[in-house]
Amino acid sequence: MSVQERKQRERADRERLIVATARELAEQQGWDAVTTRRLAERIEYSQPVLYSHFRGKREIIGAVALQGAAEMAAAVRAATSAADGPRERAAALARAYLDFAERHPAVYDAIFQLDGGLAYAQEDTPEPLKDAFAALLETLGEVAGDGVHPGLFTETFWAALHGVATLTRARRLPPEDTEQRVHLLVERLAVV
């Protein structure tokens, strides 16, 4: 391995460490607790080293969002691949999405609530975000119904899931009724 390759590998390792540490700190204490000073202390590098990877917290949030979007897409695809039939896949997708939001609230916020400097629904949208939407569209496009644009249906179903996820976490909706909400979404919106 050349010196250049080793330095690139070390740089990538440091970047992964910064993102993992930010994510861990955010999940434990919330995003307000994630500061460059605290991250530098936790990863045992100086703040200038941290700034050589990310210009600030916004870019770190963006990196967590991209990582989280890839994980959410994988979780949705795994859940839907194990289900038989379009409605069952839509229900599995909804459960996987809501489970991801509940298990990883700080990551979910990085993807959907916080400013990570990422473009959404545009030409320059990063690939992990496009793929996360594609993971939803693959299943929800099957149940959109005749004459309904699959992308628009997916956006609407996703918006409903996002509402359930955020309102449940904020204790505006009782969590014990989540399965009934999933059932209503699938039965009332999914056409098959």
N, C-alpha and C. Protein backbone atom coordinates (compact mmCIF):
# COMPACT_ATOMS: atom_id res chain seq x y z
N MET A 1 0.84 -1.17 0.00
CA MET A 1 0.00 0.00 0.00
C MET A 1 0.89 1.24 0.00
N SER A 2 0.55 2.16 -0.87
CA SER A 2 1.35 3.38 -0.97
C SER A 2 1.01 4.32 0.19
N VAL A 3 1.87 5.29 0.39
CA VAL A 3 1.64 6.28 1.44
C VAL A 3 0.34 7.03 1.16
N GLN A 4 0.11 7.37 -0.10
CA GLN A 4 -1.11 8.07 -0.48
C GLN A 4 -2.35 7.24 -0.16
N GLU A 5 -2.33 5.96 -0.48
CA GLU A 5 -3.46 5.07 -0.20
C GLU A 5 -3.71 4.96 1.31
N ARG A 6 -2.63 4.85 2.07
CA ARG A 6 -2.76 4.76 3.53
C ARG A 6 -3.37 6.04 4.09
N LYS A 7 -2.93 7.20 3.60
CA LYS A 7 -3.48 8.48 4.07
C LYS A 7 -4.96 8.61 3.71
N GLN A 8 -5.32 8.15 2.53
CA GLN A 8 -6.73 8.19 2.12
C GLN A 8 -7.58 7.28 3.01
N ARG A 9 -7.05 6.10 3.31
CA ARG A 9 -7.77 5.17 4.19
C ARG A 9 -7.91 5.76 5.59
N GLU A 10 -6.85 6.37 6.11
CA GLU A 10 -6.90 6.98 7.44
C GLU A 10 -7.90 8.14 7.46
N ARG A 11 -7.93 8.92 6.39
CA ARG A 11 -8.87 10.03 6.30
C ARG A 11 -10.32 9.50 6.29
N ALA A 12 -10.57 8.48 5.52
CA ALA A 12 -11.91 7.88 5.46
C ALA A 12 -12.30 7.31 6.82
N ASP A 13 -11.33 6.69 7.51
CA ASP A 13 -11.60 6.15 8.85
C ASP A 13 -11.97 7.27 9.83
N ARG A 14 -11.23 8.37 9.78
CA ARG A 14 -11.53 9.51 10.65
C ARG A 14 -12.93 10.08 10.36
N GLU A 15 -13.24 10.16 9.07
CA GLU A 15 -14.55 10.69 8.68
C GLU A 15 -15.68 9.79 9.22
N ARG A 16 -15.49 8.48 9.09
CA ARG A 16 -16.48 7.54 9.63
C ARG A 16 -16.60 7.69 11.15
N LEU A 17 -15.48 7.89 11.82
CA LEU A 17 -15.47 8.07 13.27
C LEU A 17 -16.23 9.34 13.65
N ILE A 18 -16.01 10.42 12.94
CA ILE A 18 -16.71 11.67 13.23
C ILE A 18 -18.21 11.48 13.08
N VAL A 19 -18.64 10.87 11.99
CA VAL A 19 -20.06 10.66 11.72
C VAL A 19 -20.67 9.73 12.77
N ALA A 20 -19.99 8.64 13.07
CA ALA A 20 -20.51 7.70 14.06
C ALA A 20 -20.60 8.34 15.44
N THR A 21 -19.62 9.15 15.79
CA THR A 21 -19.63 9.81 17.10
C THR A 21 -20.73 10.86 17.17
N ALA A 22 -20.91 11.62 16.10
CA ALA A 22 -21.99 12.62 16.05
C ALA A 22 -23.34 11.93 16.18
N ARG A 23 -23.48 10.85 15.47
CA ARG A 23 -24.74 10.10 15.50
C ARG A 23 -25.01 9.56 16.90
N GLU A 24 -24.01 8.98 17.51
CA GLU A 24 -24.15 8.42 18.86
C GLU A 24 -24.51 9.51 19.87
N LEU A 25 -23.81 10.62 19.80
CA LEU A 25 -24.07 11.74 20.71
C LEU A 25 -25.48 12.30 20.50
N ALA A 26 -25.88 12.43 19.24
CA ALA A 26 -27.23 12.94 18.94
C ALA A 26 -28.30 11.98 19.42
N GLU A 27 -28.10 10.68 19.26
CA GLU A 27 -29.09 9.71 19.72
C GLU A 27 -29.18 9.70 21.25
N GLN A 28 -28.06 9.93 21.92
CA GLN A 28 -28.06 9.92 23.38
C GLN A 28 -28.58 11.21 23.99
N GLN A 29 -28.19 12.36 23.39
CA GLN A 29 -28.46 13.64 24.04
C GLN A 29 -29.17 14.67 23.15
N GLY A 30 -29.43 14.32 21.91
CA GLY A 30 -30.07 15.25 20.99
C GLY A 30 -29.04 16.03 20.19
N TRP A 31 -29.51 16.60 19.09
CA TRP A 31 -28.59 17.31 18.18
C TRP A 31 -28.00 18.57 18.80
N ASP A 32 -28.66 19.17 19.77
CA ASP A 32 -28.10 20.36 20.41
C ASP A 32 -26.79 20.03 21.12
N ALA A 33 -26.63 18.79 21.55
CA ALA A 33 -25.41 18.37 22.24
C ALA A 33 -24.24 18.16 21.29
N VAL A 34 -24.52 18.08 20.01
CA VAL A 34 -23.46 17.84 19.02
C VAL A 34 -22.83 19.17 18.63
N THR A 35 -21.64 19.38 19.14
CA THR A 35 -20.86 20.57 18.78
C THR A 35 -19.51 20.10 18.28
N THR A 36 -18.86 20.93 17.49
CA THR A 36 -17.54 20.53 16.99
C THR A 36 -16.55 20.36 18.14
N ARG A 37 -16.68 21.16 19.18
CA ARG A 37 -15.77 21.02 20.32
C ARG A 37 -15.97 19.66 21.01
N ARG A 38 -17.23 19.30 21.26
CA ARG A 38 -17.51 18.01 21.91
C ARG A 38 -17.10 16.84 21.03
N LEU A 39 -17.35 16.96 19.73
CA LEU A 39 -16.93 15.89 18.82
C LEU A 39 -15.42 15.74 18.84
N ALA A 40 -14.72 16.85 18.75
CA ALA A 40 -13.25 16.80 18.76
C ALA A 40 -12.74 16.13 20.03
N GLU A 41 -13.33 16.46 21.17
CA GLU A 41 -12.94 15.84 22.43
C GLU A 41 -13.20 14.34 22.41
N ARG A 42 -14.37 13.96 21.93
CA ARG A 42 -14.75 12.53 21.94
C ARG A 42 -13.91 11.69 20.98
N ILE A 43 -13.57 12.24 19.84
CA ILE A 43 -12.79 11.45 18.87
C ILE A 43 -11.29 11.60 19.10
N GLU A 44 -10.94 12.48 20.03
CA GLU A 44 -9.54 12.71 20.42
C GLU A 44 -8.70 13.22 19.25
N TYR A 45 -9.30 14.14 18.51
CA TYR A 45 -8.59 14.89 17.48
C TYR A 45 -8.87 16.35 17.74
N SER A 46 -8.06 17.21 17.19
CA SER A 46 -8.28 18.65 17.37
C SER A 46 -9.44 19.11 16.49
N GLN A 47 -9.99 20.27 16.84
CA GLN A 47 -11.06 20.83 16.03
C GLN A 47 -10.59 21.10 14.59
N PRO A 48 -9.37 21.58 14.37
CA PRO A 48 -8.92 21.77 12.98
C PRO A 48 -8.95 20.47 12.17
N VAL A 49 -8.65 19.34 12.80
CA VAL A 49 -8.74 18.06 12.09
C VAL A 49 -10.19 17.80 11.71
N LEU A 50 -11.10 18.03 12.64
CA LEU A 50 -12.52 17.84 12.36
C LEU A 50 -12.95 18.75 11.20
N TYR A 51 -12.50 20.02 11.24
CA TYR A 51 -12.86 20.96 10.17
C TYR A 51 -12.20 20.61 8.83
N SER A 52 -11.18 19.81 8.87
CA SER A 52 -10.58 19.40 7.59
C SER A 52 -11.46 18.36 6.88
N HIS A 53 -12.41 17.79 7.62
CA HIS A 53 -13.35 16.82 7.05
C HIS A 53 -14.71 17.45 6.77
N PHE A 54 -15.17 18.27 7.69
CA PHE A 54 -16.50 18.88 7.60
C PHE A 54 -16.38 20.35 7.97
N ARG A 55 -17.08 21.20 7.22
CA ARG A 55 -17.01 22.64 7.50
C ARG A 55 -17.76 23.03 8.77
N GLY A 56 -18.56 22.13 9.26
CA GLY A 56 -19.30 22.43 10.49
C GLY A 56 -20.39 21.41 10.73
N LYS A 57 -21.21 21.70 11.71
CA LYS A 57 -22.26 20.78 12.15
C LYS A 57 -23.24 20.48 11.02
N ARG A 58 -23.55 21.46 10.21
CA ARG A 58 -24.50 21.26 9.12
C ARG A 58 -24.04 20.13 8.19
N GLU A 59 -22.77 20.12 7.83
CA GLU A 59 -22.26 19.06 6.96
C GLU A 59 -22.23 17.71 7.67
N ILE A 60 -22.00 17.73 8.96
CA ILE A 60 -22.04 16.48 9.73
C ILE A 60 -23.46 15.93 9.74
N ILE A 61 -24.44 16.80 9.96
CA ILE A 61 -25.84 16.38 9.90
C ILE A 61 -26.14 15.79 8.53
N GLY A 62 -25.65 16.42 7.48
CA GLY A 62 -25.84 15.91 6.13
C GLY A 62 -25.23 14.53 5.94
N ALA A 63 -24.05 14.32 6.49
CA ALA A 63 -23.41 13.00 6.38
C ALA A 63 -24.20 11.94 7.13
N VAL A 64 -24.71 12.29 8.31
CA VAL A 64 -25.55 11.36 9.07
C VAL A 64 -26.84 11.07 8.29
N ALA A 65 -27.40 12.10 7.67
CA ALA A 65 -28.63 11.92 6.89
C ALA A 65 -28.41 10.96 5.73
N LEU A 66 -27.30 11.10 5.03
CA LEU A 66 -27.03 10.22 3.89
C LEU A 66 -26.84 8.78 4.36
N GLN A 67 -26.11 8.60 5.43
CA GLN A 67 -25.92 7.26 5.99
C GLN A 67 -27.25 6.68 6.45
N GLY A 68 -28.04 7.48 7.12
CA GLY A 68 -29.34 7.03 7.60
C GLY A 68 -30.30 6.70 6.48
N ALA A 69 -30.29 7.49 5.42
CA ALA A 69 -31.16 7.22 4.27
C ALA A 69 -30.84 5.87 3.65
N ALA A 70 -29.56 5.56 3.55
CA ALA A 70 -29.15 4.26 3.01
C ALA A 70 -29.63 3.13 3.92
N GLU A 71 -29.51 3.32 5.22
CA GLU A 71 -29.97 2.30 6.17
C GLU A 71 -31.48 2.14 6.13
N MET A 72 -32.20 3.25 6.03
CA MET A 72 -33.65 3.17 5.96
C MET A 72 -34.10 2.45 4.69
N ALA A 73 -33.46 2.76 3.56
CA ALA A 73 -33.79 2.09 2.30
C ALA A 73 -33.58 0.59 2.42
N ALA A 74 -32.48 0.20 3.04
CA ALA A 74 -32.19 -1.22 3.22
C ALA A 74 -33.23 -1.88 4.12
N ALA A 75 -33.63 -1.20 5.19
CA ALA A 75 -34.63 -1.75 6.11
C ALA A 75 -35.98 -1.91 5.41
N VAL A 76 -36.37 -0.92 4.63
CA VAL A 76 -37.64 -0.99 3.91
C VAL A 76 -37.61 -2.12 2.90
N ARG A 77 -36.51 -2.23 2.15
CA ARG A 77 -36.42 -3.29 1.14
C ARG A 77 -36.41 -4.68 1.79
N ALA A 78 -35.73 -4.82 2.90
CA ALA A 78 -35.71 -6.11 3.59
C ALA A 78 -37.11 -6.49 4.06
N ALA A 79 -37.83 -5.52 4.61
CA ALA A 79 -39.18 -5.80 5.12
C ALA A 79 -40.13 -6.13 3.98
N THR A 80 -40.05 -5.39 2.89
CA THR A 80 -41.00 -5.62 1.80
C THR A 80 -40.67 -6.90 1.03
N SER A 81 -39.43 -7.28 0.99
CA SER A 81 -39.07 -8.51 0.26
C SER A 81 -39.59 -9.76 0.98
N ALA A 82 -39.85 -9.64 2.27
CA ALA A 82 -40.34 -10.78 3.05
C ALA A 82 -41.86 -10.87 3.05
N ALA A 83 -42.53 -9.91 2.41
CA ALA A 83 -44.00 -9.89 2.42
C ALA A 83 -44.55 -10.37 1.09
N ASP A 84 -45.70 -11.03 1.14
CA ASP A 84 -46.36 -11.52 -0.08
C ASP A 84 -47.54 -10.62 -0.40
N GLY A 85 -47.61 -10.16 -1.61
CA GLY A 85 -48.74 -9.36 -2.07
C GLY A 85 -48.52 -7.88 -1.89
N PRO A 86 -49.11 -7.08 -2.77
CA PRO A 86 -48.90 -5.63 -2.75
C PRO A 86 -49.31 -4.94 -1.45
N ARG A 87 -50.49 -5.27 -0.91
CA ARG A 87 -50.92 -4.64 0.34
C ARG A 87 -50.04 -5.05 1.51
N GLU A 88 -49.68 -6.31 1.52
CA GLU A 88 -48.80 -6.80 2.60
C GLU A 88 -47.44 -6.09 2.52
N ARG A 89 -46.94 -5.87 1.29
CA ARG A 89 -45.68 -5.14 1.14
C ARG A 89 -45.83 -3.69 1.60
N ALA A 90 -46.96 -3.06 1.27
CA ALA A 90 -47.19 -1.68 1.71
C ALA A 90 -47.24 -1.61 3.24
N ALA A 91 -47.89 -2.57 3.87
CA ALA A 91 -47.96 -2.59 5.34
C ALA A 91 -46.57 -2.84 5.94
N ALA A 92 -45.81 -3.74 5.33
CA ALA A 92 -44.45 -4.02 5.81
C ALA A 92 -43.57 -2.78 5.66
N LEU A 93 -43.73 -2.06 4.55
CA LEU A 93 -42.99 -0.82 4.34
C LEU A 93 -43.33 0.18 5.44
N ALA A 94 -44.62 0.36 5.72
CA ALA A 94 -45.04 1.32 6.74
C ALA A 94 -44.46 0.95 8.11
N ARG A 95 -44.53 -0.32 8.45
CA ARG A 95 -43.98 -0.75 9.75
C ARG A 95 -42.47 -0.54 9.81
N ALA A 96 -41.77 -0.88 8.74
CA ALA A 96 -40.30 -0.71 8.72
C ALA A 96 -39.93 0.76 8.83
N TYR A 97 -40.64 1.61 8.12
CA TYR A 97 -40.39 3.05 8.15
C TYR A 97 -40.60 3.59 9.57
N LEU A 98 -41.74 3.27 10.16
CA LEU A 98 -42.05 3.76 11.51
C LEU A 98 -41.11 3.18 12.55
N ASP A 99 -40.71 1.94 12.37
CA ASP A 99 -39.75 1.32 13.28
C ASP A 99 -38.39 2.03 13.19
N PHE A 100 -37.96 2.34 11.98
CA PHE A 100 -36.70 3.06 11.80
C PHE A 100 -36.78 4.42 12.49
N ALA A 101 -37.86 5.15 12.29
CA ALA A 101 -38.02 6.46 12.90
C ALA A 101 -38.00 6.38 14.42
N GLU A 102 -38.60 5.34 14.97
CA GLU A 102 -38.64 5.18 16.43
C GLU A 102 -37.28 4.76 16.99
N ARG A 103 -36.60 3.84 16.32
CA ARG A 103 -35.31 3.33 16.82
C ARG A 103 -34.16 4.31 16.64
N HIS A 104 -34.27 5.20 15.65
CA HIS A 104 -33.18 6.13 15.32
C HIS A 104 -33.71 7.57 15.21
N PRO A 105 -34.23 8.13 16.28
CA PRO A 105 -34.86 9.45 16.17
C PRO A 105 -33.91 10.56 15.71
N ALA A 106 -32.68 10.55 16.16
CA ALA A 106 -31.74 11.60 15.75
C ALA A 106 -31.36 11.45 14.28
N VAL A 107 -31.22 10.24 13.83
CA VAL A 107 -30.91 10.00 12.42
C VAL A 107 -32.12 10.39 11.57
N TYR A 108 -33.30 10.01 12.02
CA TYR A 108 -34.53 10.38 11.32
C TYR A 108 -34.63 11.90 11.20
N ASP A 109 -34.33 12.61 12.28
CA ASP A 109 -34.35 14.07 12.24
C ASP A 109 -33.31 14.61 11.26
N ALA A 110 -32.14 13.99 11.23
CA ALA A 110 -31.11 14.44 10.30
C ALA A 110 -31.59 14.30 8.85
N ILE A 111 -32.31 13.22 8.58
CA ILE A 111 -32.80 13.00 7.21
C ILE A 111 -33.93 13.96 6.88
N PHE A 112 -34.90 14.12 7.78
CA PHE A 112 -36.15 14.76 7.42
C PHE A 112 -36.47 16.08 8.12
N GLN A 113 -35.76 16.42 9.17
CA GLN A 113 -36.14 17.61 9.93
C GLN A 113 -35.07 18.70 9.94
N LEU A 114 -33.82 18.31 9.95
CA LEU A 114 -32.75 19.28 10.15
C LEU A 114 -32.11 19.69 8.83
N ASP A 115 -31.45 20.83 8.85
CA ASP A 115 -30.76 21.32 7.66
C ASP A 115 -29.35 20.72 7.61
N GLY A 116 -29.21 19.75 6.71
CA GLY A 116 -27.90 19.15 6.51
C GLY A 116 -27.26 19.64 5.22
N GLY A 117 -27.83 20.68 4.63
CA GLY A 117 -27.28 21.24 3.41
C GLY A 117 -27.50 20.37 2.18
N LEU A 118 -28.46 19.46 2.25
CA LEU A 118 -28.71 18.53 1.15
C LEU A 118 -29.90 18.99 0.32
N ALA A 119 -29.83 18.73 -0.97
CA ALA A 119 -30.93 19.04 -1.87
C ALA A 119 -31.90 17.86 -1.88
N TYR A 120 -33.17 18.16 -1.77
CA TYR A 120 -34.22 17.13 -1.82
C TYR A 120 -35.09 17.40 -3.05
N ALA A 121 -35.48 16.32 -3.72
CA ALA A 121 -36.40 16.39 -4.86
C ALA A 121 -35.89 17.33 -5.96
N GLN A 122 -34.60 17.27 -6.20
CA GLN A 122 -33.99 18.10 -7.23
C GLN A 122 -32.99 17.26 -8.02
N GLU A 123 -32.49 17.83 -9.09
CA GLU A 123 -31.51 17.13 -9.92
C GLU A 123 -30.27 16.74 -9.12
N ASP A 124 -29.83 17.62 -8.24
CA ASP A 124 -28.59 17.36 -7.50
C ASP A 124 -28.83 16.69 -6.14
N THR A 125 -29.98 16.07 -5.98
CA THR A 125 -30.24 15.30 -4.76
C THR A 125 -29.22 14.17 -4.67
N PRO A 126 -28.57 14.00 -3.53
CA PRO A 126 -27.59 12.91 -3.39
C PRO A 126 -28.23 11.54 -3.59
N GLU A 127 -27.47 10.64 -4.12
CA GLU A 127 -27.95 9.29 -4.46
C GLU A 127 -28.61 8.56 -3.29
N PRO A 128 -28.05 8.58 -2.07
CA PRO A 128 -28.73 7.86 -0.98
C PRO A 128 -30.15 8.36 -0.71
N LEU A 129 -30.40 9.65 -0.89
CA LEU A 129 -31.75 10.19 -0.69
C LEU A 129 -32.66 9.73 -1.83
N LYS A 130 -32.15 9.75 -3.05
CA LYS A 130 -32.93 9.26 -4.19
C LYS A 130 -33.27 7.79 -4.01
N ASP A 131 -32.30 7.03 -3.53
CA ASP A 131 -32.52 5.60 -3.35
C ASP A 131 -33.52 5.32 -2.23
N ALA A 132 -33.51 6.12 -1.17
CA ALA A 132 -34.49 5.94 -0.10
C ALA A 132 -35.90 6.18 -0.64
N PHE A 133 -36.05 7.20 -1.47
CA PHE A 133 -37.37 7.42 -2.08
C PHE A 133 -37.72 6.28 -3.03
N ALA A 134 -36.73 5.82 -3.78
CA ALA A 134 -36.96 4.70 -4.70
C ALA A 134 -37.41 3.45 -3.95
N ALA A 135 -36.87 3.24 -2.75
CA ALA A 135 -37.26 2.08 -1.95
C ALA A 135 -38.74 2.16 -1.58
N LEU A 136 -39.23 3.36 -1.35
CA LEU A 136 -40.66 3.54 -1.07
C LEU A 136 -41.47 3.35 -2.35
N LEU A 137 -41.02 3.96 -3.41
CA LEU A 137 -41.73 3.93 -4.69
C LEU A 137 -41.86 2.52 -5.25
N GLU A 138 -40.85 1.69 -5.06
CA GLU A 138 -40.88 0.31 -5.57
C GLU A 138 -42.12 -0.43 -5.07
N THR A 139 -42.45 -0.24 -3.82
CA THR A 139 -43.60 -0.92 -3.23
C THR A 139 -44.88 -0.12 -3.41
N LEU A 140 -44.83 1.16 -3.14
CA LEU A 140 -46.05 1.96 -3.16
C LEU A 140 -46.56 2.20 -4.57
N GLY A 141 -45.68 2.15 -5.55
CA GLY A 141 -46.12 2.27 -6.93
C GLY A 141 -47.07 1.15 -7.33
N GLU A 142 -46.93 0.01 -6.67
CA GLU A 142 -47.81 -1.14 -6.95
C GLU A 142 -49.25 -0.91 -6.49
N VAL A 143 -49.43 -0.03 -5.52
CA VAL A 143 -50.76 0.14 -4.93
C VAL A 143 -51.33 1.54 -5.15
N ALA A 144 -50.73 2.28 -6.06
CA ALA A 144 -51.17 3.66 -6.32
C ALA A 144 -52.55 3.71 -6.96
N GLY A 145 -52.86 2.74 -7.77
CA GLY A 145 -54.15 2.72 -8.45
C GLY A 145 -54.06 3.27 -9.86
N ASP A 146 -55.03 2.93 -10.66
CA ASP A 146 -55.07 3.38 -12.05
C ASP A 146 -55.25 4.89 -12.12
N GLY A 147 -54.49 5.51 -12.99
CA GLY A 147 -54.61 6.94 -13.21
C GLY A 147 -53.95 7.79 -12.14
N VAL A 148 -53.31 7.18 -11.17
CA VAL A 148 -52.63 7.93 -10.11
C VAL A 148 -51.13 7.84 -10.37
N HIS A 149 -50.47 8.98 -10.39
CA HIS A 149 -49.03 9.00 -10.61
C HIS A 149 -48.34 8.31 -9.42
N PRO A 150 -47.56 7.25 -9.68
CA PRO A 150 -46.93 6.50 -8.57
C PRO A 150 -46.04 7.37 -7.67
N GLY A 151 -45.32 8.33 -8.26
CA GLY A 151 -44.47 9.20 -7.45
C GLY A 151 -45.28 10.09 -6.53
N LEU A 152 -46.37 10.63 -7.04
CA LEU A 152 -47.24 11.49 -6.24
C LEU A 152 -47.90 10.67 -5.12
N PHE A 153 -48.34 9.47 -5.44
CA PHE A 153 -48.92 8.60 -4.42
C PHE A 153 -47.88 8.29 -3.34
N THR A 154 -46.66 7.98 -3.76
CA THR A 154 -45.59 7.67 -2.81
C THR A 154 -45.33 8.86 -1.91
N GLU A 155 -45.29 10.06 -2.47
CA GLU A 155 -45.08 11.26 -1.65
C GLU A 155 -46.19 11.43 -0.62
N THR A 156 -47.42 11.17 -1.02
CA THR A 156 -48.56 11.33 -0.12
C THR A 156 -48.53 10.28 1.00
N PHE A 157 -48.25 9.03 0.64
CA PHE A 157 -48.17 7.96 1.63
C PHE A 157 -47.02 8.24 2.59
N TRP A 158 -45.89 8.66 2.04
CA TRP A 158 -44.71 8.99 2.84
C TRP A 158 -45.04 10.13 3.80
N ALA A 159 -45.74 11.16 3.32
CA ALA A 159 -46.12 12.28 4.17
C ALA A 159 -46.98 11.81 5.34
N ALA A 160 -47.88 10.88 5.07
CA ALA A 160 -48.71 10.33 6.14
C ALA A 160 -47.85 9.57 7.15
N LEU A 161 -46.92 8.76 6.66
CA LEU A 161 -46.01 8.04 7.57
C LEU A 161 -45.17 9.00 8.39
N HIS A 162 -44.68 10.04 7.75
CA HIS A 162 -43.87 11.04 8.46
C HIS A 162 -44.71 11.69 9.56
N GLY A 163 -45.94 12.00 9.25
CA GLY A 163 -46.82 12.57 10.26
C GLY A 163 -47.04 11.63 11.43
N VAL A 164 -47.29 10.38 11.14
CA VAL A 164 -47.47 9.39 12.21
C VAL A 164 -46.19 9.28 13.04
N ALA A 165 -45.05 9.21 12.37
CA ALA A 165 -43.78 9.08 13.09
C ALA A 165 -43.51 10.27 14.00
N THR A 166 -43.65 11.48 13.48
CA THR A 166 -43.31 12.66 14.27
C THR A 166 -44.36 12.95 15.34
N LEU A 167 -45.62 12.75 15.03
CA LEU A 167 -46.66 13.00 16.04
C LEU A 167 -46.64 11.95 17.15
N THR A 168 -46.31 10.72 16.82
CA THR A 168 -46.20 9.68 17.85
C THR A 168 -45.01 9.97 18.76
N ARG A 169 -43.89 10.33 18.17
CA ARG A 169 -42.71 10.63 18.99
C ARG A 169 -42.95 11.84 19.89
N ALA A 170 -43.71 12.81 19.41
CA ALA A 170 -44.00 14.00 20.21
C ALA A 170 -45.13 13.75 21.21
N ARG A 171 -45.62 12.53 21.26
CA ARG A 171 -46.70 12.12 22.16
C ARG A 171 -48.01 12.85 21.86
N ARG A 172 -48.17 13.24 20.59
CA ARG A 172 -49.44 13.83 20.15
C ARG A 172 -50.41 12.73 19.70
N LEU A 173 -49.85 11.57 19.38
CA LEU A 173 -50.64 10.39 19.04
C LEU A 173 -50.20 9.26 19.97
N PRO A 174 -51.14 8.47 20.48
CA PRO A 174 -50.76 7.37 21.37
C PRO A 174 -50.05 6.26 20.59
N PRO A 175 -48.89 5.83 21.04
CA PRO A 175 -48.12 4.81 20.31
C PRO A 175 -48.82 3.46 20.20
N GLU A 176 -49.70 3.16 21.14
CA GLU A 176 -50.37 1.85 21.10
C GLU A 176 -51.32 1.71 19.91
N ASP A 177 -51.65 2.82 19.25
CA ASP A 177 -52.55 2.76 18.10
C ASP A 177 -51.82 2.77 16.76
N THR A 178 -50.50 2.66 16.78
CA THR A 178 -49.72 2.75 15.54
C THR A 178 -50.12 1.68 14.55
N GLU A 179 -50.31 0.46 14.99
CA GLU A 179 -50.66 -0.62 14.06
C GLU A 179 -52.01 -0.34 13.40
N GLN A 180 -52.94 0.23 14.14
CA GLN A 180 -54.24 0.58 13.55
C GLN A 180 -54.06 1.68 12.49
N ARG A 181 -53.16 2.61 12.75
CA ARG A 181 -52.88 3.66 11.76
C ARG A 181 -52.29 3.06 10.48
N VAL A 182 -51.37 2.12 10.64
CA VAL A 182 -50.79 1.44 9.48
C VAL A 182 -51.89 0.75 8.70
N HIS A 183 -52.75 0.04 9.41
CA HIS A 183 -53.85 -0.67 8.76
C HIS A 183 -54.74 0.31 7.98
N LEU A 184 -55.10 1.43 8.59
CA LEU A 184 -55.94 2.43 7.92
C LEU A 184 -55.25 2.99 6.68
N LEU A 185 -53.98 3.32 6.80
CA LEU A 185 -53.24 3.84 5.65
C LEU A 185 -53.28 2.86 4.49
N VAL A 186 -52.97 1.62 4.78
CA VAL A 186 -52.91 0.61 3.72
C VAL A 186 -54.29 0.34 3.16
N GLU A 187 -55.27 0.15 4.03
CA GLU A 187 -56.61 -0.20 3.57
C GLU A 187 -57.31 0.94 2.84
N ARG A 188 -57.07 2.16 3.26
CA ARG A 188 -57.78 3.29 2.67
C ARG A 188 -57.05 3.92 1.49
N LEU A 189 -55.72 3.84 1.48
CA LEU A 189 -54.96 4.47 0.41
C LEU A 189 -54.50 3.49 -0.66
N ALA A 190 -54.13 2.30 -0.26
CA ALA A 190 -53.58 1.33 -1.21
C ALA A 190 -54.71 0.70 -2.03
N VAL A 191 -54.59 0.79 -3.34
CA VAL A 191 -55.61 0.24 -4.25
C VAL A 191 -55.05 -1.02 -4.90
N VAL A 192 -55.67 -2.14 -4.63
CA VAL A 192 -55.28 -3.40 -5.27
C VAL A 192 -56.47 -4.31 -5.33
